[in-house]
Amino acid sequence: MAQKRSTSGRKNSTTRRRSSSSSSSSRKSSSRASFASAPSSTFIDYFHAFSKTRAFAPVAAVVILTVLILLDLLIAWNNYDRFFKILGFELLIAGIIWVIGLVLSFGESSPSSGE
């Protein structure tokens, strides 16, 4: 009789496991539905909202300059002469681009209508 009890006990335990797993799957499906309906904010949403503020231009400039200087240091491999040559070359290119943009902006300005 001891063997019959153990086999019947095993059957009961498997049926209990099955019933508990089916109830947990129904819980999972109901929780998935509640999460799907909730609005979620992503990094893109925050970045888009931040890009519309007045602080975006200075923060973006600082981040870009920091990345460029760190890349220059990485390329130079602690050779400071090479670092300053690269940095000078980048500043020269940025100055030329700025002057070209300034000259082009003068051409776009419309003459005053009062004259």
N, C-alpha and C. Protein backbone atom coordinates (compact mmCIF):
# COMPACT_ATOMS: atom_id res chain seq x y z
N MET A 1 0.80 -1.19 0.00
CA MET A 1 0.00 0.00 0.00
C MET A 1 0.85 1.26 0.00
N ALA A 2 2.03 1.15 0.52
CA ALA A 2 2.90 2.32 0.55
C ALA A 2 3.24 2.76 -0.86
N GLN A 3 3.39 1.77 -1.76
CA GLN A 3 3.70 2.12 -3.12
C GLN A 3 2.51 2.80 -3.81
N LYS A 4 1.32 2.37 -3.52
CA LYS A 4 0.14 2.96 -4.12
C LYS A 4 -0.02 4.41 -3.68
N ARG A 5 0.29 4.66 -2.43
CA ARG A 5 0.17 6.03 -1.95
C ARG A 5 1.18 6.94 -2.63
N SER A 6 2.40 6.43 -2.80
CA SER A 6 3.41 7.29 -3.43
C SER A 6 3.09 7.55 -4.89
N THR A 7 2.55 6.58 -5.58
CA THR A 7 2.20 6.82 -6.97
C THR A 7 1.01 7.75 -7.07
N SER A 8 0.06 7.57 -6.17
CA SER A 8 -1.08 8.48 -6.21
C SER A 8 -0.66 9.87 -5.77
N GLY A 9 0.32 9.96 -4.88
CA GLY A 9 0.83 11.25 -4.46
C GLY A 9 1.55 11.95 -5.60
N ARG A 10 2.24 11.19 -6.41
CA ARG A 10 2.92 11.78 -7.58
C ARG A 10 1.92 12.32 -8.58
N LYS A 11 0.85 11.58 -8.78
CA LYS A 11 -0.17 12.04 -9.72
C LYS A 11 -0.79 13.34 -9.23
N ASN A 12 -1.03 13.39 -7.95
CA ASN A 12 -1.62 14.60 -7.41
C ASN A 12 -0.68 15.79 -7.54
N SER A 13 0.61 15.53 -7.35
CA SER A 13 1.56 16.64 -7.44
C SER A 13 1.68 17.15 -8.87
N THR A 14 1.60 16.24 -9.85
CA THR A 14 1.68 16.70 -11.24
C THR A 14 0.44 17.48 -11.63
N THR A 15 -0.71 17.05 -11.14
CA THR A 15 -1.92 17.80 -11.47
C THR A 15 -1.90 19.16 -10.78
N ARG A 16 -1.31 19.24 -9.61
CA ARG A 16 -1.21 20.52 -8.93
C ARG A 16 -0.27 21.45 -9.69
N ARG A 17 0.82 20.91 -10.19
CA ARG A 17 1.76 21.73 -10.97
C ARG A 17 1.10 22.27 -12.23
N ARG A 18 0.34 21.40 -12.89
CA ARG A 18 -0.31 21.84 -14.12
C ARG A 18 -1.33 22.93 -13.84
N SER A 19 -2.08 22.77 -12.78
CA SER A 19 -3.09 23.78 -12.48
C SER A 19 -2.43 25.09 -12.07
N SER A 20 -1.31 25.02 -11.36
CA SER A 20 -0.64 26.26 -10.96
C SER A 20 0.00 26.94 -12.15
N SER A 21 0.51 26.15 -13.11
CA SER A 21 1.12 26.76 -14.28
C SER A 21 0.08 27.41 -15.18
N SER A 22 -1.10 26.80 -15.26
CA SER A 22 -2.14 27.40 -16.08
C SER A 22 -2.65 28.69 -15.45
N SER A 23 -2.70 28.75 -14.13
CA SER A 23 -3.14 29.98 -13.49
C SER A 23 -2.08 31.06 -13.61
N SER A 24 -0.80 30.68 -13.59
CA SER A 24 0.25 31.69 -13.75
C SER A 24 0.29 32.22 -15.18
N SER A 25 -0.03 31.36 -16.16
CA SER A 25 -0.04 31.86 -17.54
C SER A 25 -1.19 32.83 -17.75
N SER A 26 -2.31 32.60 -17.08
CA SER A 26 -3.42 33.55 -17.20
C SER A 26 -3.06 34.86 -16.52
N ARG A 27 -2.29 34.80 -15.46
CA ARG A 27 -1.83 36.02 -14.81
C ARG A 27 -0.89 36.80 -15.72
N LYS A 28 0.00 36.08 -16.40
CA LYS A 28 0.96 36.74 -17.29
C LYS A 28 0.25 37.43 -18.44
N SER A 29 -0.74 36.79 -19.00
CA SER A 29 -1.43 37.40 -20.13
C SER A 29 -2.21 38.63 -19.70
N SER A 30 -2.78 38.61 -18.50
CA SER A 30 -3.51 39.80 -18.05
C SER A 30 -2.55 40.92 -17.71
N SER A 31 -1.36 40.62 -17.20
CA SER A 31 -0.40 41.68 -16.90
C SER A 31 0.20 42.25 -18.17
N ARG A 32 0.36 41.45 -19.19
CA ARG A 32 0.86 41.95 -20.47
C ARG A 32 -0.11 42.96 -21.08
N ALA A 33 -1.38 42.68 -20.94
CA ALA A 33 -2.38 43.58 -21.51
C ALA A 33 -2.34 44.93 -20.80
N SER A 34 -2.12 44.93 -19.49
CA SER A 34 -2.10 46.20 -18.76
C SER A 34 -0.84 46.99 -19.10
N PHE A 35 0.28 46.33 -19.32
CA PHE A 35 1.50 47.04 -19.68
C PHE A 35 1.42 47.59 -21.10
N ALA A 36 0.76 46.89 -21.98
CA ALA A 36 0.68 47.33 -23.37
C ALA A 36 -0.16 48.59 -23.49
N SER A 37 -1.15 48.75 -22.64
CA SER A 37 -2.00 49.92 -22.74
C SER A 37 -1.38 51.15 -22.08
N ALA A 38 -0.42 50.96 -21.19
CA ALA A 38 0.21 52.09 -20.51
C ALA A 38 1.19 52.79 -21.45
N PRO A 39 1.16 54.12 -21.52
CA PRO A 39 2.10 54.83 -22.39
C PRO A 39 3.51 54.76 -21.81
N SER A 40 4.49 54.55 -22.66
CA SER A 40 5.87 54.47 -22.20
C SER A 40 6.70 55.53 -22.90
N SER A 41 7.58 56.16 -22.15
CA SER A 41 8.46 57.17 -22.71
C SER A 41 9.80 56.54 -23.00
N THR A 42 10.34 56.85 -24.16
CA THR A 42 11.64 56.31 -24.53
C THR A 42 12.66 57.43 -24.54
N PHE A 43 13.90 57.07 -24.77
CA PHE A 43 14.98 58.04 -24.84
C PHE A 43 14.74 59.03 -25.98
N ILE A 44 14.19 58.53 -27.07
CA ILE A 44 13.92 59.39 -28.24
C ILE A 44 12.91 60.47 -27.88
N ASP A 45 11.89 60.11 -27.09
CA ASP A 45 10.90 61.11 -26.69
C ASP A 45 11.54 62.21 -25.83
N TYR A 46 12.38 61.80 -24.88
CA TYR A 46 13.05 62.78 -24.03
C TYR A 46 14.02 63.65 -24.84
N PHE A 47 14.75 63.05 -25.78
CA PHE A 47 15.69 63.81 -26.59
C PHE A 47 14.95 64.81 -27.47
N HIS A 48 13.83 64.40 -28.04
CA HIS A 48 13.05 65.29 -28.89
C HIS A 48 12.51 66.47 -28.08
N ALA A 49 12.07 66.20 -26.85
CA ALA A 49 11.58 67.28 -26.00
C ALA A 49 12.72 68.21 -25.60
N PHE A 50 13.90 67.65 -25.31
CA PHE A 50 15.06 68.47 -24.92
C PHE A 50 15.58 69.28 -26.09
N SER A 51 15.48 68.75 -27.30
CA SER A 51 15.99 69.48 -28.46
C SER A 51 15.19 70.75 -28.75
N LYS A 52 13.99 70.86 -28.20
CA LYS A 52 13.17 72.05 -28.42
C LYS A 52 13.44 73.14 -27.37
N THR A 53 14.29 72.87 -26.37
CA THR A 53 14.55 73.86 -25.32
C THR A 53 15.71 74.76 -25.72
N ARG A 54 15.87 75.85 -24.97
CA ARG A 54 16.95 76.80 -25.26
C ARG A 54 18.30 76.26 -24.80
N ALA A 55 18.32 75.30 -23.91
CA ALA A 55 19.57 74.75 -23.40
C ALA A 55 20.20 73.74 -24.34
N PHE A 56 19.49 73.37 -25.39
CA PHE A 56 20.00 72.31 -26.27
C PHE A 56 21.28 72.72 -27.00
N ALA A 57 21.32 73.92 -27.55
CA ALA A 57 22.48 74.35 -28.35
C ALA A 57 23.77 74.39 -27.52
N PRO A 58 23.80 75.00 -26.33
CA PRO A 58 25.05 74.99 -25.57
C PRO A 58 25.45 73.61 -25.08
N VAL A 59 24.47 72.81 -24.67
CA VAL A 59 24.79 71.46 -24.20
C VAL A 59 25.32 70.61 -25.35
N ALA A 60 24.70 70.72 -26.51
CA ALA A 60 25.17 69.96 -27.67
C ALA A 60 26.57 70.40 -28.08
N ALA A 61 26.85 71.70 -28.00
CA ALA A 61 28.19 72.19 -28.36
C ALA A 61 29.24 71.65 -27.39
N VAL A 62 28.94 71.64 -26.11
CA VAL A 62 29.89 71.12 -25.12
C VAL A 62 30.12 69.63 -25.33
N VAL A 63 29.07 68.89 -25.60
CA VAL A 63 29.20 67.45 -25.82
C VAL A 63 30.04 67.17 -27.07
N ILE A 64 29.79 67.91 -28.15
CA ILE A 64 30.54 67.70 -29.39
C ILE A 64 32.01 68.06 -29.20
N LEU A 65 32.29 69.18 -28.53
CA LEU A 65 33.68 69.56 -28.28
C LEU A 65 34.40 68.55 -27.40
N THR A 66 33.71 68.04 -26.39
CA THR A 66 34.31 67.04 -25.51
C THR A 66 34.64 65.77 -26.28
N VAL A 67 33.73 65.32 -27.11
CA VAL A 67 33.96 64.11 -27.90
C VAL A 67 35.13 64.32 -28.86
N LEU A 68 35.20 65.48 -29.51
CA LEU A 68 36.31 65.75 -30.44
C LEU A 68 37.66 65.78 -29.72
N ILE A 69 37.71 66.42 -28.57
CA ILE A 69 38.98 66.50 -27.84
C ILE A 69 39.39 65.12 -27.34
N LEU A 70 38.44 64.33 -26.87
CA LEU A 70 38.78 62.97 -26.42
C LEU A 70 39.22 62.10 -27.59
N LEU A 71 38.61 62.26 -28.75
CA LEU A 71 39.07 61.51 -29.93
C LEU A 71 40.48 61.95 -30.34
N ASP A 72 40.76 63.26 -30.25
CA ASP A 72 42.10 63.74 -30.56
C ASP A 72 43.13 63.15 -29.60
N LEU A 73 42.79 63.10 -28.33
CA LEU A 73 43.71 62.49 -27.36
C LEU A 73 43.91 61.01 -27.64
N LEU A 74 42.86 60.34 -28.04
CA LEU A 74 42.97 58.92 -28.34
C LEU A 74 43.85 58.69 -29.57
N ILE A 75 43.68 59.52 -30.57
CA ILE A 75 44.49 59.38 -31.79
C ILE A 75 45.94 59.74 -31.54
N ALA A 76 46.16 60.75 -30.69
CA ALA A 76 47.52 61.23 -30.45
C ALA A 76 48.35 60.26 -29.59
N TRP A 77 47.74 59.41 -28.84
CA TRP A 77 48.43 58.43 -27.99
C TRP A 77 49.47 59.11 -27.08
N ASN A 78 49.06 60.14 -26.34
CA ASN A 78 49.89 60.88 -25.38
C ASN A 78 51.06 61.61 -26.03
N ASN A 79 51.05 61.79 -27.32
CA ASN A 79 52.05 62.61 -27.99
C ASN A 79 51.43 64.00 -28.14
N TYR A 80 51.82 64.90 -27.23
CA TYR A 80 51.15 66.19 -27.16
C TYR A 80 51.42 67.06 -28.38
N ASP A 81 52.56 66.91 -29.01
CA ASP A 81 52.81 67.65 -30.25
C ASP A 81 51.79 67.25 -31.32
N ARG A 82 51.56 65.96 -31.46
CA ARG A 82 50.59 65.48 -32.43
C ARG A 82 49.18 65.94 -32.05
N PHE A 83 48.85 65.92 -30.75
CA PHE A 83 47.53 66.35 -30.30
C PHE A 83 47.27 67.80 -30.68
N PHE A 84 48.23 68.69 -30.43
CA PHE A 84 48.01 70.09 -30.74
C PHE A 84 48.01 70.37 -32.24
N LYS A 85 48.74 69.56 -33.02
CA LYS A 85 48.66 69.70 -34.47
C LYS A 85 47.28 69.31 -34.98
N ILE A 86 46.74 68.22 -34.47
CA ILE A 86 45.40 67.78 -34.87
C ILE A 86 44.36 68.81 -34.45
N LEU A 87 44.49 69.30 -33.21
CA LEU A 87 43.53 70.28 -32.70
C LEU A 87 43.61 71.59 -33.49
N GLY A 88 44.82 72.02 -33.83
CA GLY A 88 44.98 73.23 -34.64
C GLY A 88 44.38 73.07 -36.02
N PHE A 89 44.57 71.91 -36.61
CA PHE A 89 44.00 71.63 -37.92
C PHE A 89 42.48 71.66 -37.86
N GLU A 90 41.90 71.09 -36.81
CA GLU A 90 40.44 71.11 -36.66
C GLU A 90 39.93 72.53 -36.45
N LEU A 91 40.64 73.32 -35.66
CA LEU A 91 40.23 74.71 -35.44
C LEU A 91 40.32 75.52 -36.73
N LEU A 92 41.35 75.27 -37.53
CA LEU A 92 41.50 75.95 -38.82
C LEU A 92 40.34 75.60 -39.75
N ILE A 93 39.97 74.33 -39.81
CA ILE A 93 38.84 73.91 -40.64
C ILE A 93 37.54 74.53 -40.13
N ALA A 94 37.34 74.55 -38.81
CA ALA A 94 36.12 75.15 -38.25
C ALA A 94 36.07 76.64 -38.55
N GLY A 95 37.21 77.34 -38.49
CA GLY A 95 37.23 78.76 -38.81
C GLY A 95 36.91 79.03 -40.26
N ILE A 96 37.44 78.21 -41.16
CA ILE A 96 37.15 78.37 -42.59
C ILE A 96 35.67 78.14 -42.87
N ILE A 97 35.11 77.11 -42.26
CA ILE A 97 33.69 76.82 -42.45
C ILE A 97 32.85 77.97 -41.90
N TRP A 98 33.24 78.54 -40.75
CA TRP A 98 32.50 79.65 -40.16
C TRP A 98 32.54 80.88 -41.08
N VAL A 99 33.71 81.18 -41.65
CA VAL A 99 33.82 82.33 -42.55
C VAL A 99 32.99 82.11 -43.81
N ILE A 100 33.02 80.91 -44.36
CA ILE A 100 32.22 80.62 -45.54
C ILE A 100 30.73 80.77 -45.23
N GLY A 101 30.30 80.28 -44.09
CA GLY A 101 28.90 80.43 -43.68
C GLY A 101 28.53 81.88 -43.46
N LEU A 102 29.46 82.68 -42.93
CA LEU A 102 29.21 84.10 -42.71
C LEU A 102 29.05 84.83 -44.04
N VAL A 103 29.93 84.52 -44.99
CA VAL A 103 29.84 85.15 -46.31
C VAL A 103 28.55 84.76 -47.01
N LEU A 104 28.18 83.50 -46.93
CA LEU A 104 26.93 83.06 -47.57
C LEU A 104 25.71 83.68 -46.90
N SER A 105 25.77 83.93 -45.62
CA SER A 105 24.62 84.54 -44.95
C SER A 105 24.45 86.00 -45.34
N PHE A 106 25.54 86.68 -45.69
CA PHE A 106 25.41 88.05 -46.17
C PHE A 106 24.68 88.10 -47.51
N GLY A 107 24.89 87.11 -48.33
CA GLY A 107 24.24 87.07 -49.63
C GLY A 107 22.75 86.79 -49.53
N GLU A 108 22.32 86.13 -48.45
CA GLU A 108 20.92 85.79 -48.29
C GLU A 108 20.09 86.90 -47.69
N SER A 109 20.72 87.89 -47.07
CA SER A 109 19.95 88.94 -46.43
C SER A 109 19.29 89.81 -47.50
N SER A 110 18.04 90.14 -47.28
CA SER A 110 17.30 90.93 -48.26
C SER A 110 17.53 92.41 -47.99
N PRO A 111 17.60 93.22 -49.03
CA PRO A 111 17.78 94.66 -48.81
C PRO A 111 16.55 95.25 -48.13
N SER A 112 16.75 96.30 -47.40
CA SER A 112 15.64 96.93 -46.68
C SER A 112 14.65 97.52 -47.67
N SER A 113 13.40 97.42 -47.38
CA SER A 113 12.36 97.88 -48.31
C SER A 113 12.21 99.40 -48.28
N GLY A 114 12.80 100.09 -47.27
CA GLY A 114 12.67 101.53 -47.15
C GLY A 114 13.53 102.29 -48.13
N GLU A 115 14.54 101.71 -48.70
CA GLU A 115 15.46 102.43 -49.59
C GLU A 115 15.02 102.44 -51.00
